[in-house]
Amino acid sequence: MTPLKPVTPGARVALGVAFFVLFFAAWAAATFGGFVSPTFLADPATMLREGWNLLAHGFVRDILITVWRVFGGFLIAAAIGVPLGMAMGAYKPIEGFFEPFISFSRYLPASAFIPLLILWAGTGEAQKLLVIFVGSFFQIVLMVAVVIGNTRRDLVEAAYTLGASDREIVGRVLLPSGAPEIAEILRLVLGWAWTYVIVAELIGASAGIGHMIMDSQALLNTGQIIFGILVIGCIGLVSDLLFKALNRRLFPWSLA
């Protein structure tokens, strides 16, 4: 292997599949071989059986509810955070006004807001969306501001030389230059949003994957817990791949 040397798409897929094969082989060996108690870790066959039982009893509804919460909160955060981040990156007075608060807020764990959000919004959908919003918004704003602020100065100066106005600089230089990186930021933050929704569903929820995991934990049903975790991973992987494909189509000039 050579540092930073790319591999072919086929080799990348093969390596990724090989990891999962080895992972499940090690899991099967540890559980079927009796090295781990079923109370602490169900074997793959039990996990699949419990997962099928969940799907047969309405778990699809829980999955759809969780997906709605993730994308709902994430899209709200992106719709507000991206324009604010662009404004902060493009205009230094706006950055000076907002940046201290954004930097302070992004270190606050979203889970710490759950008790307050339950008091303010109850235990309904609004509370779940707000948890994801709080966890995603400040990260998006700051990362987008950094991307826009790092736009090559020669591009900006060239646009001014050609007679571009301040508004055109933002719309025709800063945004096109930073769009591929902004899209990559949104892809990464979407992954974080999945962690926030599960935390939100562990408290005060009556449906969703997180709610199912809590119920299964009370029953010591590790098969259902593992199945719920794998469902989250599969949905996240599919959404990640779709995001990458969309980014390549929208920004073919970018290596991302």
C-alpha atoms as a PDB file:
ATOM      1  CA  MET A   1       0.000   0.000   0.000  1.00  0.00           C
ATOM      2  CA  THR A   2       1.186   3.505  -0.880  1.00  0.00           C
ATOM      3  CA  PRO A   3       0.106   6.515   1.215  1.00  0.00           C
ATOM      4  CA  LEU A   4      -2.708   8.495  -0.434  1.00  0.00           C
ATOM      5  CA  LYS A   5      -2.702   6.276  -3.506  1.00  0.00           C
ATOM      6  CA  PRO A   6      -6.337   5.776  -4.610  1.00  0.00           C
ATOM      7  CA  VAL A   7      -7.854   2.371  -5.197  1.00  0.00           C
ATOM      8  CA  THR A   8     -10.255   1.399  -7.950  1.00  0.00           C
ATOM      9  CA  PRO A   9     -14.011   1.582  -7.224  1.00  0.00           C
ATOM     10  CA  GLY A  10     -14.250  -2.199  -7.451  1.00  0.00           C
ATOM     11  CA  ALA A  11     -11.446  -2.678  -4.944  1.00  0.00           C
ATOM     12  CA  ARG A  12     -13.061  -0.179  -2.581  1.00  0.00           C
ATOM     13  CA  VAL A  13     -16.348  -2.081  -2.676  1.00  0.00           C
ATOM     14  CA  ALA A  14     -14.572  -5.403  -2.170  1.00  0.00           C
ATOM     15  CA  LEU A  15     -12.649  -4.067   0.845  1.00  0.00           C
ATOM     16  CA  GLY A  16     -15.808  -2.662   2.380  1.00  0.00           C
ATOM     17  CA  VAL A  17     -17.686  -5.934   1.929  1.00  0.00           C
ATOM     18  CA  ALA A  18     -14.712  -7.864   3.328  1.00  0.00           C
ATOM     19  CA  PHE A  19     -14.830  -5.868   6.545  1.00  0.00           C
ATOM     20  CA  PHE A  20     -18.510  -6.659   7.114  1.00  0.00           C
ATOM     21  CA  VAL A  21     -17.924 -10.343   6.358  1.00  0.00           C
ATOM     22  CA  LEU A  22     -15.114 -10.504   8.921  1.00  0.00           C
ATOM     23  CA  PHE A  23     -17.160  -8.527  11.442  1.00  0.00           C
ATOM     24  CA  PHE A  24     -20.154 -10.865  11.248  1.00  0.00           C
ATOM     25  CA  ALA A  25     -17.858 -13.902  11.252  1.00  0.00           C
ATOM     26  CA  ALA A  26     -16.232 -12.743  14.487  1.00  0.00           C
ATOM     27  CA  TRP A  27     -19.658 -12.000  15.987  1.00  0.00           C
ATOM     28  CA  ALA A  28     -20.943 -15.446  15.031  1.00  0.00           C
ATOM     29  CA  ALA A  29     -17.826 -17.149  16.382  1.00  0.00           C
ATOM     30  CA  ALA A  30     -18.091 -15.307  19.713  1.00  0.00           C
ATOM     31  CA  THR A  31     -21.796 -16.028  20.211  1.00  0.00           C
ATOM     32  CA  PHE A  32     -22.277 -19.476  18.686  1.00  0.00           C
ATOM     33  CA  GLY A  33     -19.033 -20.600  20.295  1.00  0.00           C
ATOM     34  CA  GLY A  34     -20.363 -19.745  23.746  1.00  0.00           C
ATOM     35  CA  PHE A  35     -17.683 -17.150  24.501  1.00  0.00           C
ATOM     36  CA  VAL A  36     -20.337 -14.498  25.224  1.00  0.00           C
ATOM     37  CA  SER A  37     -23.552 -14.974  27.174  1.00  0.00           C
ATOM     38  CA  PRO A  38     -26.766 -14.519  25.110  1.00  0.00           C
ATOM     39  CA  THR A  39     -27.966 -12.167  27.843  1.00  0.00           C
ATOM     40  CA  PHE A  40     -25.266  -9.689  26.846  1.00  0.00           C
ATOM     41  CA  LEU A  41     -24.989 -10.352  23.126  1.00  0.00           C
ATOM     42  CA  ALA A  42     -27.458 -12.245  20.942  1.00  0.00           C
ATOM     43  CA  ASP A  43     -26.147 -14.355  18.089  1.00  0.00           C
ATOM     44  CA  PRO A  44     -26.832 -13.333  14.454  1.00  0.00           C
ATOM     45  CA  ALA A  45     -29.599 -15.932  13.997  1.00  0.00           C
ATOM     46  CA  THR A  46     -31.443 -14.739  17.102  1.00  0.00           C
ATOM     47  CA  MET A  47     -31.024 -11.146  16.008  1.00  0.00           C
ATOM     48  CA  LEU A  48     -32.556 -11.900  12.610  1.00  0.00           C
ATOM     49  CA  ARG A  49     -35.426 -13.815  14.181  1.00  0.00           C
ATOM     50  CA  GLU A  50     -36.162 -11.000  16.618  1.00  0.00           C
ATOM     51  CA  GLY A  51     -35.881  -8.466  13.801  1.00  0.00           C
ATOM     52  CA  TRP A  52     -38.368 -10.345  11.673  1.00  0.00           C
ATOM     53  CA  ASN A  53     -40.710 -10.478  14.650  1.00  0.00           C
ATOM     54  CA  LEU A  54     -40.401  -6.721  15.055  1.00  0.00           C
ATOM     55  CA  LEU A  55     -41.126  -6.089  11.378  1.00  0.00           C
ATOM     56  CA  ALA A  56     -44.164  -8.348  11.567  1.00  0.00           C
ATOM     57  CA  HIS A  57     -45.547  -6.319  14.464  1.00  0.00           C
ATOM     58  CA  GLY A  58     -45.339  -2.781  13.094  1.00  0.00           C
ATOM     59  CA  PHE A  59     -41.673  -1.845  13.429  1.00  0.00           C
ATOM     60  CA  VAL A  60     -41.766  -0.322   9.944  1.00  0.00           C
ATOM     61  CA  ARG A  61     -43.897   2.478  11.407  1.00  0.00           C
ATOM     62  CA  ASP A  62     -41.230   3.163  14.046  1.00  0.00           C
ATOM     63  CA  ILE A  63     -38.572   3.290  11.338  1.00  0.00           C
ATOM     64  CA  LEU A  64     -40.565   5.773   9.245  1.00  0.00           C
ATOM     65  CA  ILE A  65     -41.225   7.966  12.277  1.00  0.00           C
ATOM     66  CA  THR A  66     -37.526   8.094  13.128  1.00  0.00           C
ATOM     67  CA  VAL A  67     -36.562   8.861   9.517  1.00  0.00           C
ATOM     68  CA  TRP A  68     -39.118  11.687   9.446  1.00  0.00           C
ATOM     69  CA  ARG A  69     -37.690  13.140  12.645  1.00  0.00           C
ATOM     70  CA  VAL A  70     -34.108  12.997  11.423  1.00  0.00           C
ATOM     71  CA  PHE A  71     -34.723  14.594   8.048  1.00  0.00           C
ATOM     72  CA  GLY A  72     -37.269  17.067   9.418  1.00  0.00           C
ATOM     73  CA  GLY A  73     -34.954  18.462  12.083  1.00  0.00           C
ATOM     74  CA  PHE A  74     -31.943  18.321   9.789  1.00  0.00           C
ATOM     75  CA  LEU A  75     -33.648  20.173   6.936  1.00  0.00           C
ATOM     76  CA  ILE A  76     -34.835  22.930   9.279  1.00  0.00           C
ATOM     77  CA  ALA A  77     -31.311  23.303  10.651  1.00  0.00           C
ATOM     78  CA  ALA A  78     -29.821  23.372   7.126  1.00  0.00           C
ATOM     79  CA  ALA A  79     -32.405  25.841   5.787  1.00  0.00           C
ATOM     80  CA  ILE A  80     -31.471  28.351   8.498  1.00  0.00           C
ATOM     81  CA  GLY A  81     -27.857  27.406   9.151  1.00  0.00           C
ATOM     82  CA  VAL A  82     -26.494  27.481   5.595  1.00  0.00           C
ATOM     83  CA  PRO A  83     -27.627  31.066   4.793  1.00  0.00           C
ATOM     84  CA  LEU A  84     -26.443  32.303   8.197  1.00  0.00           C
ATOM     85  CA  GLY A  85     -23.101  30.546   7.765  1.00  0.00           C
ATOM     86  CA  MET A  86     -22.693  32.065   4.312  1.00  0.00           C
ATOM     87  CA  ALA A  87     -23.468  35.529   5.679  1.00  0.00           C
ATOM     88  CA  MET A  88     -20.927  35.063   8.466  1.00  0.00           C
ATOM     89  CA  GLY A  89     -18.260  33.858   6.059  1.00  0.00           C
ATOM     90  CA  ALA A  90     -18.867  36.643   3.555  1.00  0.00           C
ATOM     91  CA  TYR A  91     -19.367  39.611   5.878  1.00  0.00           C
ATOM     92  CA  LYS A  92     -16.972  40.038   8.777  1.00  0.00           C
ATOM     93  CA  PRO A  93     -19.269  42.288  10.892  1.00  0.00           C
ATOM     94  CA  ILE A  94     -21.925  39.570  10.831  1.00  0.00           C
ATOM     95  CA  GLU A  95     -19.271  37.020  11.746  1.00  0.00           C
ATOM     96  CA  GLY A  96     -18.084  39.201  14.625  1.00  0.00           C
ATOM     97  CA  PHE A  97     -21.643  39.481  15.934  1.00  0.00           C
ATOM     98  CA  PHE A  98     -22.651  35.822  15.747  1.00  0.00           C
ATOM     99  CA  GLU A  99     -19.385  33.855  15.975  1.00  0.00           C
ATOM    100  CA  PRO A 100     -18.832  34.015  19.776  1.00  0.00           C
ATOM    101  CA  PHE A 101     -22.368  32.743  20.449  1.00  0.00           C
ATOM    102  CA  ILE A 102     -22.192  30.049  17.758  1.00  0.00           C
ATOM    103  CA  SER A 103     -18.798  28.840  19.005  1.00  0.00           C
ATOM    104  CA  PHE A 104     -20.121  28.745  22.565  1.00  0.00           C
ATOM    105  CA  SER A 105     -23.323  26.944  21.647  1.00  0.00           C
ATOM    106  CA  ARG A 106     -21.763  24.229  19.507  1.00  0.00           C
ATOM    107  CA  TYR A 107     -20.046  22.778  22.583  1.00  0.00           C
ATOM    108  CA  LEU A 108     -23.338  22.339  24.418  1.00  0.00           C
ATOM    109  CA  PRO A 109     -24.576  18.722  24.121  1.00  0.00           C
ATOM    110  CA  ALA A 110     -28.000  18.457  22.527  1.00  0.00           C
ATOM    111  CA  SER A 111     -29.014  15.863  25.114  1.00  0.00           C
ATOM    112  CA  ALA A 112     -28.613  18.455  27.876  1.00  0.00           C
ATOM    113  CA  PHE A 113     -31.458  20.467  26.346  1.00  0.00           C
ATOM    114  CA  ILE A 114     -33.952  17.585  26.429  1.00  0.00           C
ATOM    115  CA  PRO A 115     -35.440  18.402  29.876  1.00  0.00           C
ATOM    116  CA  LEU A 116     -35.921  22.044  28.870  1.00  0.00           C
ATOM    117  CA  LEU A 117     -37.323  21.134  25.468  1.00  0.00           C
ATOM    118  CA  ILE A 118     -39.821  18.778  27.090  1.00  0.00           C
ATOM    119  CA  LEU A 119     -40.946  21.651  29.330  1.00  0.00           C
ATOM    120  CA  TRP A 120     -41.169  24.052  26.405  1.00  0.00           C
ATOM    121  CA  ALA A 121     -42.527  21.799  23.648  1.00  0.00           C
ATOM    122  CA  GLY A 122     -43.892  18.749  25.460  1.00  0.00           C
ATOM    123  CA  THR A 123     -43.044  15.201  24.428  1.00  0.00           C
ATOM    124  CA  GLY A 124     -44.474  15.400  20.901  1.00  0.00           C
ATOM    125  CA  GLU A 125     -42.796  15.714  17.533  1.00  0.00           C
ATOM    126  CA  ALA A 126     -41.751  19.331  18.084  1.00  0.00           C
ATOM    127  CA  GLN A 127     -39.453  18.313  20.929  1.00  0.00           C
ATOM    128  CA  LYS A 128     -37.763  15.608  18.836  1.00  0.00           C
ATOM    129  CA  LEU A 129     -37.239  17.998  15.917  1.00  0.00           C
ATOM    130  CA  LEU A 130     -35.809  20.645  18.236  1.00  0.00           C
ATOM    131  CA  VAL A 131     -33.262  18.225  19.681  1.00  0.00           C
ATOM    132  CA  ILE A 132     -31.993  17.441  16.182  1.00  0.00           C
ATOM    133  CA  PHE A 133     -32.091  21.133  15.267  1.00  0.00           C
ATOM    134  CA  VAL A 134     -30.013  22.110  18.309  1.00  0.00           C
ATOM    135  CA  GLY A 135     -27.514  19.336  17.635  1.00  0.00           C
ATOM    136  CA  SER A 136     -27.106  20.191  13.939  1.00  0.00           C
ATOM    137  CA  PHE A 137     -27.656  23.921  13.546  1.00  0.00           C
ATOM    138  CA  PHE A 138     -24.590  25.353  15.261  1.00  0.00           C
ATOM    139  CA  GLN A 139     -22.249  22.858  13.614  1.00  0.00           C
ATOM    140  CA  ILE A 140     -23.612  23.711  10.162  1.00  0.00           C
ATOM    141  CA  VAL A 141     -23.346  27.462  10.704  1.00  0.00           C
ATOM    142  CA  LEU A 142     -19.740  27.458  11.854  1.00  0.00           C
ATOM    143  CA  MET A 143     -18.485  24.961   9.272  1.00  0.00           C
ATOM    144  CA  VAL A 144     -20.200  26.777   6.384  1.00  0.00           C
ATOM    145  CA  ALA A 145     -18.799  30.104   7.610  1.00  0.00           C
ATOM    146  CA  VAL A 146     -15.280  28.654   7.565  1.00  0.00           C
ATOM    147  CA  VAL A 147     -15.723  27.288   4.035  1.00  0.00           C
ATOM    148  CA  ILE A 148     -17.028  30.592   2.648  1.00  0.00           C
ATOM    149  CA  GLY A 149     -14.389  32.572   4.530  1.00  0.00           C
ATOM    150  CA  ASN A 150     -11.625  30.437   2.980  1.00  0.00           C
ATOM    151  CA  THR A 151     -12.639  31.209  -0.613  1.00  0.00           C
ATOM    152  CA  ARG A 152      -9.613  31.989  -2.756  1.00  0.00           C
ATOM    153  CA  ARG A 153      -8.980  35.725  -2.728  1.00  0.00           C
ATOM    154  CA  ASP A 154      -7.739  35.748  -6.330  1.00  0.00           C
ATOM    155  CA  LEU A 155     -11.201  34.649  -7.496  1.00  0.00           C
ATOM    156  CA  VAL A 156     -12.824  37.471  -5.556  1.00  0.00           C
ATOM    157  CA  GLU A 157     -10.368  40.069  -6.827  1.00  0.00           C
ATOM    158  CA  ALA A 158     -10.801  38.853 -10.406  1.00  0.00           C
ATOM    159  CA  ALA A 159     -14.578  39.193 -10.101  1.00  0.00           C
ATOM    160  CA  TYR A 160     -14.251  42.735  -8.754  1.00  0.00           C
ATOM    161  CA  THR A 161     -11.903  43.576 -11.608  1.00  0.00           C
ATOM    162  CA  LEU A 162     -14.550  42.386 -14.069  1.00  0.00           C
ATOM    163  CA  GLY A 163     -17.106  44.707 -12.472  1.00  0.00           C
ATOM    164  CA  ALA A 164     -19.008  42.346 -10.154  1.00  0.00           C
ATOM    165  CA  SER A 165     -21.056  43.905  -7.365  1.00  0.00           C
ATOM    166  CA  ASP A 166     -20.946  42.755  -3.732  1.00  0.00           C
ATOM    167  CA  ARG A 167     -24.111  40.704  -4.216  1.00  0.00           C
ATOM    168  CA  GLU A 168     -22.701  39.098  -7.340  1.00  0.00           C
ATOM    169  CA  ILE A 169     -19.518  38.201  -5.463  1.00  0.00           C
ATOM    170  CA  VAL A 170     -21.620  36.187  -3.011  1.00  0.00           C
ATOM    171  CA  GLY A 171     -23.896  34.586  -5.603  1.00  0.00           C
ATOM    172  CA  ARG A 172     -21.409  33.979  -8.425  1.00  0.00           C
ATOM    173  CA  VAL A 173     -18.081  33.454  -6.628  1.00  0.00           C
ATOM    174  CA  LEU A 174     -18.440  32.518  -2.960  1.00  0.00           C
ATOM    175  CA  LEU A 175     -21.421  30.204  -3.314  1.00  0.00           C
ATOM    176  CA  PRO A 176     -20.254  28.231  -6.405  1.00  0.00           C
ATOM    177  CA  SER A 177     -16.756  27.923  -4.945  1.00  0.00           C
ATOM    178  CA  GLY A 178     -17.950  26.663  -1.571  1.00  0.00           C
ATOM    179  CA  ALA A 179     -20.972  24.625  -2.686  1.00  0.00           C
ATOM    180  CA  PRO A 180     -19.173  21.233  -2.948  1.00  0.00           C
ATOM    181  CA  GLU A 181     -17.701  21.603   0.541  1.00  0.00           C
ATOM    182  CA  ILE A 182     -21.025  22.819   1.936  1.00  0.00           C
ATOM    183  CA  ALA A 183     -22.703  19.732   0.497  1.00  0.00           C
ATOM    184  CA  GLU A 184     -20.048  17.564   2.154  1.00  0.00           C
ATOM    185  CA  ILE A 185     -20.659  19.356   5.452  1.00  0.00           C
ATOM    186  CA  LEU A 186     -24.372  18.606   5.209  1.00  0.00           C
ATOM    187  CA  ARG A 187     -23.605  14.944   4.505  1.00  0.00           C
ATOM    188  CA  LEU A 188     -21.485  14.710   7.635  1.00  0.00           C
ATOM    189  CA  VAL A 189     -23.936  16.552   9.863  1.00  0.00           C
ATOM    190  CA  LEU A 190     -26.773  14.325   8.658  1.00  0.00           C
ATOM    191  CA  GLY A 191     -24.838  11.430  10.182  1.00  0.00           C
ATOM    192  CA  TRP A 192     -24.626  13.264  13.494  1.00  0.00           C
ATOM    193  CA  ALA A 193     -28.368  13.950  13.362  1.00  0.00           C
ATOM    194  CA  TRP A 194     -29.005  10.200  13.655  1.00  0.00           C
ATOM    195  CA  THR A 195     -27.241  10.149  17.027  1.00  0.00           C
ATOM    196  CA  TYR A 196     -29.354  13.038  18.263  1.00  0.00           C
ATOM    197  CA  VAL A 197     -32.679  11.475  17.280  1.00  0.00           C
ATOM    198  CA  ILE A 198     -31.953   8.272  19.173  1.00  0.00           C
ATOM    199  CA  VAL A 199     -31.102  10.294  22.273  1.00  0.00           C
ATOM    200  CA  ALA A 200     -34.341  12.243  21.827  1.00  0.00           C
ATOM    201  CA  GLU A 201     -36.356   9.037  21.483  1.00  0.00           C
ATOM    202  CA  LEU A 202     -34.859   7.460  24.582  1.00  0.00           C
ATOM    203  CA  ILE A 203     -36.758   9.981  26.730  1.00  0.00           C
ATOM    204  CA  GLY A 204     -40.423  10.812  26.446  1.00  0.00           C
ATOM    205  CA  ALA A 205     -41.126   8.959  23.192  1.00  0.00           C
ATOM    206  CA  SER A 206     -43.945   6.544  22.431  1.00  0.00           C
ATOM    207  CA  ALA A 207     -42.676   5.474  18.988  1.00  0.00           C
ATOM    208  CA  GLY A 208     -39.476   5.305  16.993  1.00  0.00           C
ATOM    209  CA  ILE A 209     -36.361   3.163  16.865  1.00  0.00           C
ATOM    210  CA  GLY A 210     -34.993   4.655  20.087  1.00  0.00           C
ATOM    211  CA  HIS A 211     -38.229   3.885  21.889  1.00  0.00           C
ATOM    212  CA  MET A 212     -38.067   0.282  20.697  1.00  0.00           C
ATOM    213  CA  ILE A 213     -34.474  -0.016  21.904  1.00  0.00           C
ATOM    214  CA  MET A 214     -35.453   1.212  25.370  1.00  0.00           C
ATOM    215  CA  ASP A 215     -38.335  -1.273  25.553  1.00  0.00           C
ATOM    216  CA  SER A 216     -36.013  -4.077  24.462  1.00  0.00           C
ATOM    217  CA  GLN A 217     -33.428  -3.082  27.050  1.00  0.00           C
ATOM    218  CA  ALA A 218     -36.035  -3.398  29.800  1.00  0.00           C
ATOM    219  CA  LEU A 219     -36.749  -6.943  28.568  1.00  0.00           C
ATOM    220  CA  LEU A 220     -33.023  -7.790  28.168  1.00  0.00           C
ATOM    221  CA  ASN A 221     -33.742  -8.588  24.510  1.00  0.00           C
ATOM    222  CA  THR A 222     -30.340  -7.914  22.976  1.00  0.00           C
ATOM    223  CA  GLY A 223     -31.459  -9.370  19.653  1.00  0.00           C
ATOM    224  CA  GLN A 224     -33.970  -6.570  19.141  1.00  0.00           C
ATOM    225  CA  ILE A 225     -31.520  -3.952  20.385  1.00  0.00           C
ATOM    226  CA  ILE A 226     -28.873  -5.062  17.895  1.00  0.00           C
ATOM    227  CA  PHE A 227     -31.418  -5.227  15.094  1.00  0.00           C
ATOM    228  CA  GLY A 228     -32.512  -1.645  15.816  1.00  0.00           C
ATOM    229  CA  ILE A 229     -28.894  -0.471  15.803  1.00  0.00           C
ATOM    230  CA  LEU A 230     -28.223  -2.255  12.494  1.00  0.00           C
ATOM    231  CA  VAL A 231     -31.338  -0.709  10.942  1.00  0.00           C
ATOM    232  CA  ILE A 232     -30.047   2.738  11.882  1.00  0.00           C
ATOM    233  CA  GLY A 233     -26.658   1.906  10.379  1.00  0.00           C
ATOM    234  CA  CYS A 234     -28.191   0.608   7.144  1.00  0.00           C
ATOM    235  CA  ILE A 235     -30.436   3.646   6.695  1.00  0.00           C
ATOM    236  CA  GLY A 236     -27.504   5.937   7.462  1.00  0.00           C
ATOM    237  CA  LEU A 237     -25.270   4.117   4.967  1.00  0.00           C
ATOM    238  CA  VAL A 238     -27.888   4.309   2.213  1.00  0.00           C
ATOM    239  CA  SER A 239     -28.519   8.016   2.838  1.00  0.00           C
ATOM    240  CA  ASP A 240     -24.760   8.637   2.868  1.00  0.00           C
ATOM    241  CA  LEU A 241     -24.278   6.900  -0.468  1.00  0.00           C
ATOM    242  CA  LEU A 242     -27.210   8.801  -1.970  1.00  0.00           C
ATOM    243  CA  PHE A 243     -25.793  12.066  -0.670  1.00  0.00           C
ATOM    244  CA  LYS A 244     -22.404  11.278  -2.257  1.00  0.00           C
ATOM    245  CA  ALA A 245     -24.016  10.381  -5.577  1.00  0.00           C
ATOM    246  CA  LEU A 246     -26.069  13.588  -5.549  1.00  0.00           C
ATOM    247  CA  ASN A 247     -23.002  15.662  -4.729  1.00  0.00           C
ATOM    248  CA  ARG A 248     -21.065  14.108  -7.621  1.00  0.00           C
ATOM    249  CA  ARG A 249     -23.926  14.868  -9.992  1.00  0.00           C
ATOM    250  CA  LEU A 250     -24.400  18.446  -8.790  1.00  0.00           C
ATOM    251  CA  PHE A 251     -20.707  19.283  -8.508  1.00  0.00           C
ATOM    252  CA  PRO A 252     -18.816  17.196 -11.082  1.00  0.00           C
ATOM    253  CA  TRP A 253     -15.782  19.504 -10.860  1.00  0.00           C
ATOM    254  CA  SER A 254     -15.239  18.569  -7.232  1.00  0.00           C
ATOM    255  CA  LEU A 255     -13.148  15.566  -6.157  1.00  0.00           C
ATOM    256  CA  ALA A 256     -15.409  15.108  -3.089  1.00  0.00           C
END
